[in-house]
C-alpha atoms as a PDB file:
ATOM      1  CA  MET A   1       7.238  13.670  16.891  1.00  0.00           C
ATOM      2  CA  LYS A   2       6.363  16.573  15.481  1.00  0.00           C
ATOM      3  CA  THR A   3       7.199  16.865  11.753  1.00  0.00           C
ATOM      4  CA  THR A   4       8.890  19.939  10.210  1.00  0.00           C
ATOM      5  CA  THR A   5       7.037  22.187   7.504  1.00  0.00           C
ATOM      6  CA  ALA A   6       9.731  20.663   4.727  1.00  0.00           C
ATOM      7  CA  GLN A   7       8.183  16.987   5.591  1.00  0.00           C
ATOM      8  CA  GLN A   8       4.909  17.823   5.322  1.00  0.00           C
ATOM      9  CA  GLY A   9       5.455  19.438   2.040  1.00  0.00           C
ATOM     10  CA  TRP A  10       7.727  16.750   0.622  1.00  0.00           C
ATOM     11  CA  ILE A  11       5.274  13.847   1.959  1.00  0.00           C
ATOM     12  CA  ARG A  12       1.844  15.959   0.250  1.00  0.00           C
ATOM     13  CA  ILE A  13       3.232  16.510  -2.761  1.00  0.00           C
ATOM     14  CA  PHE A  14       4.920  12.272  -2.869  1.00  0.00           C
ATOM     15  CA  SER A  15       1.049  11.279  -2.162  1.00  0.00           C
ATOM     16  CA  LEU A  16      -0.023  13.001  -5.225  1.00  0.00           C
ATOM     17  CA  SER A  17       2.917  12.607  -7.491  1.00  0.00           C
ATOM     18  CA  VAL A  18       3.138   8.544  -6.738  1.00  0.00           C
ATOM     19  CA  LEU A  19      -1.392   8.831  -7.406  1.00  0.00           C
ATOM     20  CA  GLY A  20      -0.372  10.582 -10.522  1.00  0.00           C
ATOM     21  CA  MET A  21       1.976   8.779 -11.989  1.00  0.00           C
ATOM     22  CA  SER A  22      -0.425   5.380 -10.919  1.00  0.00           C
ATOM     23  CA  LEU A  23      -3.489   6.673 -12.729  1.00  0.00           C
ATOM     24  CA  ILE A  24      -0.607   7.299 -15.671  1.00  0.00           C
ATOM     25  CA  SER A  25      -0.135   4.193 -15.292  1.00  0.00           C
ATOM     26  CA  ILE A  26      -3.009   2.519 -15.577  1.00  0.00           C
ATOM     27  CA  LEU A  27      -4.184   4.680 -18.517  1.00  0.00           C
ATOM     28  CA  LEU A  28      -1.572   3.636 -20.612  1.00  0.00           C
ATOM     29  CA  CYS A  29      -1.468   0.205 -19.686  1.00  0.00           C
ATOM     30  CA  THR A  30      -4.829  -0.162 -20.644  1.00  0.00           C
ATOM     31  CA  LEU A  31      -4.990   1.377 -24.114  1.00  0.00           C
ATOM     32  CA  SER A  32      -1.846  -0.240 -24.468  1.00  0.00           C
ATOM     33  CA  PHE A  33      -3.536  -3.804 -24.107  1.00  0.00           C
ATOM     34  CA  SER A  34      -7.185  -3.202 -25.728  1.00  0.00           C
ATOM     35  CA  LEU A  35      -5.792  -1.683 -29.056  1.00  0.00           C
ATOM     36  CA  THR A  36      -2.200  -3.517 -30.036  1.00  0.00           C
ATOM     37  CA  TYR A  37      -2.349  -5.775 -27.759  1.00  0.00           C
ATOM     38  CA  ASP A  38      -2.100  -9.351 -29.733  1.00  0.00           C
ATOM     39  CA  ASP A  39      -3.732 -12.244 -27.956  1.00  0.00           C
ATOM     40  CA  ALA A  40      -2.798 -14.910 -29.744  1.00  0.00           C
ATOM     41  CA  ILE A  41       0.350 -14.417 -29.438  1.00  0.00           C
ATOM     42  CA  GLY A  42       0.086 -12.921 -25.762  1.00  0.00           C
ATOM     43  CA  TYR A  43       2.550  -9.882 -26.693  1.00  0.00           C
ATOM     44  CA  TYR A  44       2.374  -6.215 -28.228  1.00  0.00           C
ATOM     45  CA  PRO A  45       2.779  -6.157 -32.388  1.00  0.00           C
ATOM     46  CA  SER A  46       6.637  -4.813 -32.794  1.00  0.00           C
ATOM     47  CA  ASP A  47       5.891  -2.033 -34.922  1.00  0.00           C
ATOM     48  CA  ALA A  48       3.096  -0.683 -31.409  1.00  0.00           C
ATOM     49  CA  LEU A  49       4.855   2.567 -30.164  1.00  0.00           C
ATOM     50  CA  LEU A  50       2.664   2.664 -27.711  1.00  0.00           C
ATOM     51  CA  PRO A  51       3.362  -0.150 -25.333  1.00  0.00           C
ATOM     52  CA  LYS A  52       7.115   1.367 -25.611  1.00  0.00           C
ATOM     53  CA  ILE A  53       6.225   4.935 -24.370  1.00  0.00           C
ATOM     54  CA  THR A  54       4.611   3.127 -21.561  1.00  0.00           C
ATOM     55  CA  ALA A  55       7.528   0.705 -20.577  1.00  0.00           C
ATOM     56  CA  ALA A  56       9.618   3.855 -21.235  1.00  0.00           C
ATOM     57  CA  LEU A  57       7.675   6.029 -18.408  1.00  0.00           C
ATOM     58  CA  LEU A  58       7.351   2.859 -16.100  1.00  0.00           C
ATOM     59  CA  VAL A  59      10.846   2.532 -15.784  1.00  0.00           C
ATOM     60  CA  LEU A  60      10.495   6.678 -15.348  1.00  0.00           C
ATOM     61  CA  PHE A  61       7.858   6.542 -12.441  1.00  0.00           C
ATOM     62  CA  ALA A  62      10.394   3.509 -11.329  1.00  0.00           C
ATOM     63  CA  LEU A  63      13.229   5.676 -10.918  1.00  0.00           C
ATOM     64  CA  LEU A  64      11.373   8.650  -9.754  1.00  0.00           C
ATOM     65  CA  ILE A  65       9.800   6.959  -6.567  1.00  0.00           C
ATOM     66  CA  VAL A  66      13.153   5.077  -5.613  1.00  0.00           C
ATOM     67  CA  GLY A  67      15.109   7.918  -6.594  1.00  0.00           C
ATOM     68  CA  ALA A  68      12.745  10.578  -4.538  1.00  0.00           C
ATOM     69  CA  SER A  69      12.932   8.460  -0.876  1.00  0.00           C
ATOM     70  CA  PHE A  70      17.174   8.407  -1.586  1.00  0.00           C
ATOM     71  CA  LEU A  71      17.130  11.722  -2.716  1.00  0.00           C
ATOM     72  CA  PHE A  72      14.906  13.605  -0.142  1.00  0.00           C
ATOM     73  CA  ARG A  73      15.796  11.067   3.146  1.00  0.00           C
ATOM     74  CA  LYS A  74      16.290  13.648   5.435  1.00  0.00           C
ATOM     75  CA  LYS A  75      12.533  15.094   4.570  1.00  0.00           C
ATOM     76  CA  ILE A  76      11.082  12.048   5.090  1.00  0.00           C
ATOM     77  CA  PRO A  77       8.480  12.320   8.293  1.00  0.00           C
ATOM     78  CA  THR A  78       8.533   9.261  10.954  1.00  0.00           C
ATOM     79  CA  LEU A  79       6.144   7.150   8.839  1.00  0.00           C
ATOM     80  CA  THR A  80       3.729   4.925  10.713  1.00  0.00           C
ATOM     81  CA  CYS A  81       0.524   3.124  10.254  1.00  0.00           C
ATOM     82  CA  SER A  82      -1.993   4.517  12.527  1.00  0.00           C
ATOM     83  CA  ASP A  83      -5.981   3.992  11.321  1.00  0.00           C
ATOM     84  CA  PRO A  84      -8.170   6.833  11.660  1.00  0.00           C
ATOM     85  CA  VAL A  85     -12.027   5.719  11.577  1.00  0.00           C
ATOM     86  CA  TRP A  86     -11.869   5.622   7.442  1.00  0.00           C
ATOM     87  CA  ILE A  87      -8.779   4.190   7.119  1.00  0.00           C
ATOM     88  CA  ARG A  88     -10.753   1.146   9.548  1.00  0.00           C
ATOM     89  CA  SER A  89     -13.369   1.508   7.098  1.00  0.00           C
ATOM     90  CA  VAL A  90     -12.608   0.627   4.143  1.00  0.00           C
ATOM     91  CA  SER A  91      -9.662  -2.025   6.014  1.00  0.00           C
ATOM     92  CA  GLY A  92     -13.678  -3.772   6.639  1.00  0.00           C
ATOM     93  CA  VAL A  93     -13.773  -3.998   2.925  1.00  0.00           C
ATOM     94  CA  VAL A  94     -10.924  -5.369   1.650  1.00  0.00           C
ATOM     95  CA  PHE A  95     -11.227  -7.857   4.693  1.00  0.00           C
ATOM     96  CA  LEU A  96     -15.032  -8.917   2.807  1.00  0.00           C
ATOM     97  CA  GLY A  97     -13.058  -8.847   0.257  1.00  0.00           C
ATOM     98  CA  MET A  98     -10.527 -11.088   0.673  1.00  0.00           C
ATOM     99  CA  SER A  99     -13.626 -13.324   1.888  1.00  0.00           C
ATOM    100  CA  GLY A 100     -14.924 -13.306  -1.242  1.00  0.00           C
ATOM    101  CA  ILE A 101     -11.495 -14.227  -3.056  1.00  0.00           C
ATOM    102  CA  ALA A 102     -10.956 -17.271  -0.758  1.00  0.00           C
ATOM    103  CA  VAL A 103     -14.267 -18.756  -1.349  1.00  0.00           C
ATOM    104  CA  ALA A 104     -14.331 -18.282  -5.000  1.00  0.00           C
ATOM    105  CA  ASP A 105     -10.977 -20.495  -4.249  1.00  0.00           C
ATOM    106  CA  ILE A 106     -13.280 -23.306  -2.159  1.00  0.00           C
ATOM    107  CA  PHE A 107     -15.573 -23.603  -5.253  1.00  0.00           C
ATOM    108  CA  SER A 108     -12.296 -23.798  -8.310  1.00  0.00           C
ATOM    109  CA  ALA A 109     -10.940 -26.545  -5.731  1.00  0.00           C
ATOM    110  CA  ALA A 110      -8.479 -24.776  -4.773  1.00  0.00           C
ATOM    111  CA  SER A 111      -5.277 -26.650  -2.335  1.00  0.00           C
ATOM    112  CA  PRO A 112      -6.226 -26.058   0.896  1.00  0.00           C
ATOM    113  CA  LEU A 113      -3.159 -24.366   1.463  1.00  0.00           C
ATOM    114  CA  THR A 114      -4.244 -21.357  -0.477  1.00  0.00           C
ATOM    115  CA  ILE A 115      -7.574 -21.191   1.012  1.00  0.00           C
ATOM    116  CA  LEU A 116      -5.873 -21.328   4.837  1.00  0.00           C
ATOM    117  CA  LEU A 117      -3.751 -18.370   3.801  1.00  0.00           C
ATOM    118  CA  GLY A 118      -6.557 -16.582   2.170  1.00  0.00           C
ATOM    119  CA  PHE A 119      -8.788 -16.345   5.189  1.00  0.00           C
ATOM    120  CA  GLY A 120      -5.696 -15.906   7.355  1.00  0.00           C
ATOM    121  CA  GLY A 121      -4.620 -12.939   4.899  1.00  0.00           C
ATOM    122  CA  ALA A 122      -8.104 -11.634   5.323  1.00  0.00           C
ATOM    123  CA  VAL A 123      -8.343 -11.349   9.118  1.00  0.00           C
ATOM    124  CA  TYR A 124      -5.421  -8.884   9.049  1.00  0.00           C
ATOM    125  CA  PHE A 125      -7.436  -6.493   7.050  1.00  0.00           C
ATOM    126  CA  LEU A 126      -9.956  -7.728   9.655  1.00  0.00           C
ATOM    127  CA  LEU A 127      -8.211  -7.368  12.924  1.00  0.00           C
ATOM    128  CA  ARG A 128      -6.969  -3.639  11.113  1.00  0.00           C
ATOM    129  CA  ALA A 129     -10.427  -2.556  10.811  1.00  0.00           C
ATOM    130  CA  LEU A 130     -11.959  -3.511  14.712  1.00  0.00           C
ATOM    131  CA  GLY A 131      -8.517  -1.557  15.809  1.00  0.00           C
ATOM    132  CA  MET A 132      -6.516  -4.630  17.167  1.00  0.00           C
ATOM    133  CA  LEU A 133      -3.535  -3.831  16.535  1.00  0.00           C
ATOM    134  CA  ARG A 134      -1.968  -6.342  19.553  1.00  0.00           C
ATOM    135  CA  PRO A 135       1.655  -7.496  17.660  1.00  0.00           C
ATOM    136  CA  LEU A 136       1.463 -11.549  17.306  1.00  0.00           C
ATOM    137  CA  PRO A 137      -2.007 -11.762  15.685  1.00  0.00           C
ATOM    138  CA  LEU A 138      -1.721  -9.036  13.171  1.00  0.00           C
ATOM    139  CA  ILE A 139       2.089 -10.156  12.020  1.00  0.00           C
ATOM    140  CA  LEU A 140       0.611 -13.835  12.148  1.00  0.00           C
ATOM    141  CA  SER A 141      -2.253 -11.965   9.583  1.00  0.00           C
ATOM    142  CA  GLY A 142       0.105 -10.348   8.124  1.00  0.00           C
ATOM    143  CA  VAL A 143       2.304 -13.371   6.950  1.00  0.00           C
ATOM    144  CA  CYS A 144      -0.386 -15.360   5.894  1.00  0.00           C
ATOM    145  CA  ALA A 145      -1.598 -12.188   3.173  1.00  0.00           C
ATOM    146  CA  VAL A 146       1.940 -12.719   1.991  1.00  0.00           C
ATOM    147  CA  LEU A 147       2.267 -15.443   1.659  1.00  0.00           C
ATOM    148  CA  ARG A 148      -0.990 -15.343  -0.521  1.00  0.00           C
ATOM    149  CA  LEU A 149       0.565 -12.811  -2.494  1.00  0.00           C
ATOM    150  CA  THR A 150       3.207 -15.300  -2.726  1.00  0.00           C
ATOM    151  CA  LEU A 151       1.236 -17.861  -4.063  1.00  0.00           C
ATOM    152  CA  PHE A 152      -0.647 -16.215  -6.891  1.00  0.00           C
ATOM    153  CA  LEU A 153       2.844 -15.266  -7.976  1.00  0.00           C
ATOM    154  CA  ALA A 154       3.636 -18.753  -8.502  1.00  0.00           C
ATOM    155  CA  GLU A 155       0.216 -19.314 -10.437  1.00  0.00           C
ATOM    156  CA  VAL A 156       0.998 -16.243 -12.044  1.00  0.00           C
ATOM    157  CA  TYR A 157       4.334 -18.317 -13.334  1.00  0.00           C
ATOM    158  CA  PHE A 158       3.627 -21.345 -13.666  1.00  0.00           C
ATOM    159  CA  ASN A 159       0.294 -20.301 -15.506  1.00  0.00           C
ATOM    160  CA  GLY A 160       0.960 -22.221 -19.174  1.00  0.00           C
ATOM    161  CA  GLU A 161      -1.828 -20.134 -20.703  1.00  0.00           C
ATOM    162  CA  VAL A 162       0.643 -16.394 -20.931  1.00  0.00           C
ATOM    163  CA  PRO A 163       3.518 -16.720 -22.437  1.00  0.00           C
ATOM    164  CA  MET A 164       7.115 -16.759 -20.066  1.00  0.00           C
ATOM    165  CA  ASN A 165       7.512 -13.253 -20.467  1.00  0.00           C
ATOM    166  CA  ALA A 166       4.350 -11.635 -21.668  1.00  0.00           C
ATOM    167  CA  PRO A 167       3.916  -8.438 -20.719  1.00  0.00           C
ATOM    168  CA  LEU A 168       0.692  -9.210 -18.266  1.00  0.00           C
ATOM    169  CA  LYS A 169       2.399 -12.177 -17.350  1.00  0.00           C
ATOM    170  CA  VAL A 170       5.085  -9.412 -15.768  1.00  0.00           C
ATOM    171  CA  TYR A 171       2.542  -7.121 -14.830  1.00  0.00           C
ATOM    172  CA  LEU A 172       1.338  -9.472 -12.535  1.00  0.00           C
ATOM    173  CA  GLN A 173       4.315 -10.703 -11.276  1.00  0.00           C
ATOM    174  CA  LEU A 174       5.825  -7.258 -10.345  1.00  0.00           C
ATOM    175  CA  GLY A 175       2.733  -6.273  -7.879  1.00  0.00           C
ATOM    176  CA  CYS A 176       2.630  -9.476  -6.159  1.00  0.00           C
ATOM    177  CA  LEU A 177       6.430  -7.738  -5.413  1.00  0.00           C
ATOM    178  CA  ALA A 178       5.337  -4.578  -5.068  1.00  0.00           C
ATOM    179  CA  GLY A 179       2.073  -5.696  -2.422  1.00  0.00           C
ATOM    180  CA  MET A 180       4.168  -8.219  -0.525  1.00  0.00           C
ATOM    181  CA  LEU A 181       6.880  -5.117   0.136  1.00  0.00           C
ATOM    182  CA  PHE A 182       4.162  -3.317   0.620  1.00  0.00           C
ATOM    183  CA  LEU A 183       2.480  -5.380   3.622  1.00  0.00           C
ATOM    184  CA  VAL A 184       5.938  -6.439   5.421  1.00  0.00           C
ATOM    185  CA  ARG A 185       6.920  -2.718   5.692  1.00  0.00           C
ATOM    186  CA  GLU A 186       3.051  -1.476   6.743  1.00  0.00           C
ATOM    187  CA  MET A 187       3.704  -4.100   9.545  1.00  0.00           C
ATOM    188  CA  LYS A 188       7.079  -3.149  10.505  1.00  0.00           C
ATOM    189  CA  THR A 189       5.841   0.495  10.849  1.00  0.00           C
ATOM    190  CA  THR A 190       3.311   0.088  13.181  1.00  0.00           C
ATOM    191  CA  PHE A 191       5.338  -1.459  15.933  1.00  0.00           C
ATOM    192  CA  SER A 192       8.448   0.923  14.725  1.00  0.00           C
ATOM    193  CA  PRO A 193       7.986   4.301  12.853  1.00  0.00           C
ATOM    194  CA  SER A 194      10.248   4.417  10.599  1.00  0.00           C
ATOM    195  CA  ASP A 195      12.271   7.384   8.839  1.00  0.00           C
ATOM    196  CA  SER A 196      13.934   5.068   6.250  1.00  0.00           C
ATOM    197  CA  PRO A 197      13.585   6.113   2.554  1.00  0.00           C
ATOM    198  CA  ILE A 198      12.684   2.298   2.190  1.00  0.00           C
ATOM    199  CA  ALA A 199       9.435   3.231   3.927  1.00  0.00           C
ATOM    200  CA  ALA A 200       8.232   5.186   1.689  1.00  0.00           C
ATOM    201  CA  VAL A 201       9.620   3.606  -1.526  1.00  0.00           C
ATOM    202  CA  ALA A 202       7.697   0.257  -0.309  1.00  0.00           C
ATOM    203  CA  ILE A 203       4.543   2.596   0.386  1.00  0.00           C
ATOM    204  CA  GLY A 204       4.896   4.185  -3.228  1.00  0.00           C
ATOM    205  CA  LEU A 205       5.363   1.442  -4.929  1.00  0.00           C
ATOM    206  CA  GLY A 206       2.535  -0.549  -3.331  1.00  0.00           C
ATOM    207  CA  VAL A 207       0.464   2.121  -4.371  1.00  0.00           C
ATOM    208  CA  TRP A 208       1.668   1.946  -7.847  1.00  0.00           C
ATOM    209  CA  LEU A 209       2.651  -1.100  -9.028  1.00  0.00           C
ATOM    210  CA  PRO A 210      -0.588  -3.480  -7.940  1.00  0.00           C
ATOM    211  CA  GLY A 211      -3.120  -0.721  -9.707  1.00  0.00           C
ATOM    212  CA  VAL A 212      -1.454  -1.850 -12.787  1.00  0.00           C
ATOM    213  CA  ALA A 213      -1.325  -4.981 -12.410  1.00  0.00           C
ATOM    214  CA  SER A 214      -4.414  -5.349 -11.350  1.00  0.00           C
ATOM    215  CA  VAL A 215      -6.812  -2.726 -13.678  1.00  0.00           C
ATOM    216  CA  PRO A 216      -5.874  -2.553 -16.900  1.00  0.00           C
ATOM    217  CA  ALA A 217      -6.186  -6.495 -16.661  1.00  0.00           C
ATOM    218  CA  LEU A 218      -9.206  -6.881 -14.752  1.00  0.00           C
ATOM    219  CA  ILE A 219     -10.569  -3.978 -17.964  1.00  0.00           C
ATOM    220  CA  SER A 220      -8.920  -5.645 -20.528  1.00  0.00           C
ATOM    221  CA  LEU A 221     -10.628  -9.242 -19.184  1.00  0.00           C
ATOM    222  CA  PHE A 222     -14.052  -7.631 -19.473  1.00  0.00           C
ATOM    223  CA  SER A 223     -13.537  -6.195 -22.637  1.00  0.00           C
ATOM    224  CA  GLY A 224     -12.563  -9.830 -24.458  1.00  0.00           C
ATOM    225  CA  SER A 225      -9.364  -8.798 -24.912  1.00  0.00           C
ATOM    226  CA  PHE A 226      -8.326 -11.308 -22.172  1.00  0.00           C
ATOM    227  CA  PHE A 227      -9.564 -14.734 -21.707  1.00  0.00           C
ATOM    228  CA  GLU A 228     -10.334 -15.799 -18.496  1.00  0.00           C
ATOM    229  CA  THR A 229      -7.826 -18.639 -17.891  1.00  0.00           C
ATOM    230  CA  GLU A 230      -5.632 -15.559 -18.837  1.00  0.00           C
ATOM    231  CA  VAL A 231      -6.111 -13.103 -15.846  1.00  0.00           C
ATOM    232  CA  PRO A 232      -6.970 -15.780 -12.660  1.00  0.00           C
ATOM    233  CA  HIS A 233      -9.718 -14.708  -9.460  1.00  0.00           C
ATOM    234  CA  SER A 234      -7.090 -14.105  -7.572  1.00  0.00           C
ATOM    235  CA  VAL A 235      -6.419 -10.818  -9.158  1.00  0.00           C
ATOM    236  CA  TYR A 236      -8.468  -9.381  -7.560  1.00  0.00           C
ATOM    237  CA  LEU A 237      -6.212  -9.951  -3.823  1.00  0.00           C
ATOM    238  CA  LEU A 238      -3.949  -6.862  -6.451  1.00  0.00           C
ATOM    239  CA  LEU A 239      -6.659  -4.929  -7.150  1.00  0.00           C
ATOM    240  CA  PHE A 240      -8.117  -4.525  -2.863  1.00  0.00           C
ATOM    241  CA  LEU A 241      -4.707  -3.701  -1.976  1.00  0.00           C
ATOM    242  CA  TRP A 242      -4.079  -1.221  -4.037  1.00  0.00           C
ATOM    243  CA  LEU A 243      -7.312   0.248  -2.932  1.00  0.00           C
ATOM    244  CA  TYR A 244      -5.910   0.101   0.767  1.00  0.00           C
ATOM    245  CA  ALA A 245      -2.467   1.172  -0.376  1.00  0.00           C
ATOM    246  CA  VAL A 246      -4.220   4.417  -2.046  1.00  0.00           C
ATOM    247  CA  LEU A 247      -5.864   5.173   0.697  1.00  0.00           C
ATOM    248  CA  ARG A 248      -2.708   4.484   3.031  1.00  0.00           C
ATOM    249  CA  LEU A 249      -0.766   7.144   0.902  1.00  0.00           C
ATOM    250  CA  LEU A 250      -3.328   9.916   0.912  1.00  0.00           C
ATOM    251  CA  SER A 251      -3.808   8.980   4.711  1.00  0.00           C
ATOM    252  CA  LEU A 252      -0.179   9.843   5.066  1.00  0.00           C
ATOM    253  CA  PRO A 253      -0.137  13.350   6.062  1.00  0.00           C
ATOM    254  CA  ILE A 254      -2.894  12.832   8.689  1.00  0.00           C
ATOM    255  CA  SER A 255      -2.070   9.553  10.560  1.00  0.00           C
ATOM    256  CA  SER A 256       1.611  10.085  10.208  1.00  0.00           C
ATOM    257  CA  HIS A 257       1.843  13.794  11.960  1.00  0.00           C
ATOM    258  CA  PRO A 258       0.371  13.645  15.428  1.00  0.00           C
ATOM    259  CA  GLN A 259       0.465  16.855  17.024  1.00  0.00           C
ATOM    260  CA  LYS A 260       1.159  16.801  20.533  1.00  0.00           C
ATOM    261  CA  THR A 261      -1.644  18.972  22.175  1.00  0.00           C
ATOM    262  CA  GLU A 262      -0.290  20.857  25.771  1.00  0.00           C
ATOM    263  CA  SER A 263      -2.347  19.263  28.423  1.00  0.00           C
ATOM    264  CA  PRO A 264      -4.110  21.764  30.783  1.00  0.00           C
ATOM    265  CA  SER A 265      -2.702  20.561  33.503  1.00  0.00           C
ATOM    266  CA  ALA A 266       0.535  21.623  32.233  1.00  0.00           C
ATOM    267  CA  SER A 267      -0.221  25.758  31.689  1.00  0.00           C
ATOM    268  CA  ILE A 268      -1.581  25.396  35.239  1.00  0.00           C
ATOM    269  CA  GLU A 269       1.944  24.312  36.398  1.00  0.00           C
ATOM    270  CA  GLU A 270       3.334  27.001  34.796  1.00  0.00           C
ATOM    271  CA  ASP A 271       1.581  29.774  36.429  1.00  0.00           C
ATOM    272  CA  VAL A 272       1.805  28.312  39.996  1.00  0.00           C
ATOM    273  CA  PRO A 273       5.210  29.857  41.263  1.00  0.00           C
ATOM    274  CA  PRO A 274       7.479  27.696  42.716  1.00  0.00           C
ATOM    275  CA  ALA A 275       7.446  26.459  46.542  1.00  0.00           C
ATOM    276  CA  GLU A 276      10.629  28.289  47.587  1.00  0.00           C
ATOM    277  CA  GLU A 277       9.219  31.383  45.756  1.00  0.00           C
ATOM    278  CA  LYS A 278       6.235  31.118  48.301  1.00  0.00           C
ATOM    279  CA  SER A 279       7.703  30.702  50.960  1.00  0.00           C
ATOM    280  CA  ALA A 280       9.958  33.824  50.730  1.00  0.00           C
ATOM    281  CA  SER A 281       6.837  36.229  50.496  1.00  0.00           C
ATOM    282  CA  GLU A 282       4.974  34.597  53.412  1.00  0.00           C
ATOM    283  CA  SER A 283       8.067  35.454  55.711  1.00  0.00           C
ATOM    284  CA  GLN A 284       8.481  39.261  54.396  1.00  0.00           C
ATOM    285  CA  ASN A 285       4.267  39.341  54.716  1.00  0.00           C
ATOM    286  CA  PRO A 286       3.979  37.926  58.236  1.00  0.00           C
ATOM    287  CA  SER A 287       1.337  37.743  59.699  1.00  0.00           C
END
């Protein structure tokens, strides 16, 4: 379905805005962890101003993403998940990354279910990299990826090294939920293109929250602000998913608006006179 100029403009503004909000949020969260976070108690000091500004902006960004998707729902084009060549390449990288995480699960003595779901989820991105978008294998492997994020969510929730409502734990849990919503909607729009505002919300949150959850946590881990017990290696799941979602978002103006090209045969048929006109001309000029 060909999109209008207004729809194309909306999706470009939406894509750049979500990407900008993601980068600003990552920067502010990283600075908050690095400059004000007290690892001894797992919270920010009560008089720290930067974390309060960061939290207020995060709430504002969430409202903007959800509000823009519903208020301008008539301008949302039909979103699909067709895979250009460069998206396939990124899918291959994510497949390798998730396979590496599954291997790390083996060496960390994770449960067999975690390992199985890890490799199963990696297959989802392998199928996309190869362009093998058959419904049954893609959905089964996609469900594995969603369940692997569910196990990571449970791992974060029950991690006794981090206080229950600590900022790090909240961000990681929100990142997992947004990642699951993104994957579910991507599977749906692959086989059933949708102009629903939920599809726009899913990709907006999928670009925003996994990045906010993973990038500041990893930077703080490498800089010594966090201990390894506080940031499990499964956080790389959110990092790879965030990179994939960013590139999926940037591909929307390309892959979501296929242009219908006029076939040469159609133009030839337009030039050929109808059979009745041809027979009439022959009767007027008998040989």
